[in-house]
Amino acid sequence: MIFRLLRIVNVKPSLKRTLSSSATTVVPKGHFAVYVGEAEKKRFVVPVSFLKKPSFQNLLTQAEEEFGFNHPMRALTIPCGDEAFNDLISSLQSS
């Protein structure tokens, strides 16, 4: 019974945040990394399933308009504040 419960808890999608200054870390299968912030960029690892959500697609469109595909960070960067991104992710996880 406990083993079954632990397996269910591990399946729940979670938002992981690491500092952008940290060394390159392995991104778990089914997730991808994005950098969020205006002045100081923070690295977030989010589930691939968020790519289907219209609100996340809107953020990606804004990132394309602002940064294009040739960004100095050489990674997906989303031009919004940390709090706004956390609010969006929280709403996506609850839906």
Protein backbone atom coordinates (compact mmCIF):
# COMPACT_ATOMS: atom_id res chain seq x y z
CA MET A 1 0.00 0.00 0.00
CA ILE A 2 2.78 2.47 0.90
CA PHE A 3 4.69 1.60 -2.28
CA ARG A 4 1.59 2.33 -4.35
CA LEU A 5 1.07 5.69 -2.62
CA LEU A 6 4.71 6.70 -3.19
CA ARG A 7 4.38 5.89 -6.87
CA ILE A 8 1.29 8.11 -7.17
CA VAL A 9 3.07 11.00 -5.43
CA ASN A 10 6.06 10.70 -7.79
CA VAL A 11 3.82 10.87 -10.86
CA LYS A 12 2.35 14.28 -9.92
CA PRO A 13 3.89 16.94 -12.18
CA SER A 14 5.96 19.45 -10.30
CA LEU A 15 7.64 22.73 -11.04
CA LYS A 16 11.33 22.77 -10.35
CA ARG A 17 13.41 25.92 -10.21
CA THR A 18 17.17 26.14 -10.37
CA LEU A 19 19.31 29.23 -10.60
CA SER A 20 20.53 30.06 -14.08
CA SER A 21 24.08 30.41 -12.79
CA SER A 22 24.21 26.75 -11.77
CA ALA A 23 25.94 24.19 -13.92
CA THR A 24 23.95 22.49 -16.64
CA THR A 25 21.68 19.95 -15.02
CA VAL A 26 19.89 17.01 -16.53
CA VAL A 27 16.30 17.76 -17.44
CA PRO A 28 13.99 14.85 -16.60
CA LYS A 29 12.21 13.04 -19.40
CA GLY A 30 8.94 14.79 -20.25
CA HIS A 31 10.19 18.22 -19.11
CA PHE A 32 12.09 21.16 -20.59
CA ALA A 33 14.01 24.12 -19.21
CA VAL A 34 13.09 27.78 -19.65
CA TYR A 35 14.68 30.97 -18.38
CA VAL A 36 12.29 33.48 -16.86
CA GLY A 37 12.81 37.04 -15.74
CA GLU A 38 13.53 40.49 -16.97
CA ALA A 39 16.81 41.51 -15.32
CA GLU A 40 17.95 38.36 -13.53
CA LYS A 41 17.06 35.15 -15.36
CA LYS A 42 16.01 32.10 -13.34
CA ARG A 43 15.88 28.61 -14.75
CA PHE A 44 12.66 26.59 -14.44
CA VAL A 45 12.03 23.00 -15.48
CA VAL A 46 8.42 22.50 -16.57
CA PRO A 47 6.42 19.58 -18.00
CA VAL A 48 6.15 19.26 -21.77
CA SER A 49 2.37 19.01 -21.38
CA PHE A 50 2.32 22.79 -20.79
CA LEU A 51 3.11 23.28 -24.49
CA LYS A 52 -0.51 22.38 -25.29
CA LYS A 53 -1.96 25.08 -23.02
CA PRO A 54 -3.07 28.29 -24.81
CA SER A 55 -1.81 30.56 -22.01
CA PHE A 56 1.68 28.99 -22.21
CA GLN A 57 1.62 29.22 -26.00
CA ASN A 58 0.86 32.94 -25.62
CA LEU A 59 4.01 33.34 -23.50
CA LEU A 60 6.04 31.51 -26.15
CA THR A 61 4.70 33.84 -28.85
CA GLN A 62 5.73 36.85 -26.75
CA ALA A 63 9.18 35.33 -26.28
CA GLU A 64 9.53 34.84 -30.03
CA GLU A 65 8.49 38.45 -30.71
CA GLU A 66 10.91 39.86 -28.13
CA PHE A 67 13.92 37.59 -28.54
CA GLY A 68 13.44 35.79 -31.85
CA PHE A 69 15.29 32.54 -32.24
CA ASN A 70 18.82 33.91 -31.81
CA HIS A 71 19.06 34.75 -28.11
CA PRO A 72 22.37 35.22 -26.25
CA MET A 73 21.27 32.83 -23.46
CA ARG A 74 21.06 30.10 -26.12
CA ALA A 75 17.95 28.77 -24.41
CA LEU A 76 14.22 29.36 -24.35
CA THR A 77 13.73 32.66 -22.50
CA ILE A 78 10.34 33.98 -21.43
CA PRO A 79 10.03 37.76 -20.94
CA CYS A 80 7.95 38.02 -17.78
CA GLY A 81 8.50 38.39 -14.07
CA ASP A 82 9.04 35.43 -11.77
CA GLU A 83 5.80 36.02 -9.89
CA ALA A 84 3.70 36.19 -13.06
CA PHE A 85 5.31 32.98 -14.34
CA ASN A 86 4.73 31.22 -11.02
CA ASP A 87 1.07 32.30 -11.06
CA LEU A 88 0.64 30.96 -14.58
CA ILE A 89 2.34 27.65 -13.73
CA SER A 90 0.21 27.28 -10.60
CA SER A 91 -2.97 27.78 -12.62
CA LEU A 92 -1.79 25.30 -15.28
CA GLN A 93 -0.96 22.66 -12.67
CA SER A 94 -4.38 22.97 -11.03
CA SER A 95 -6.26 22.61 -14.33
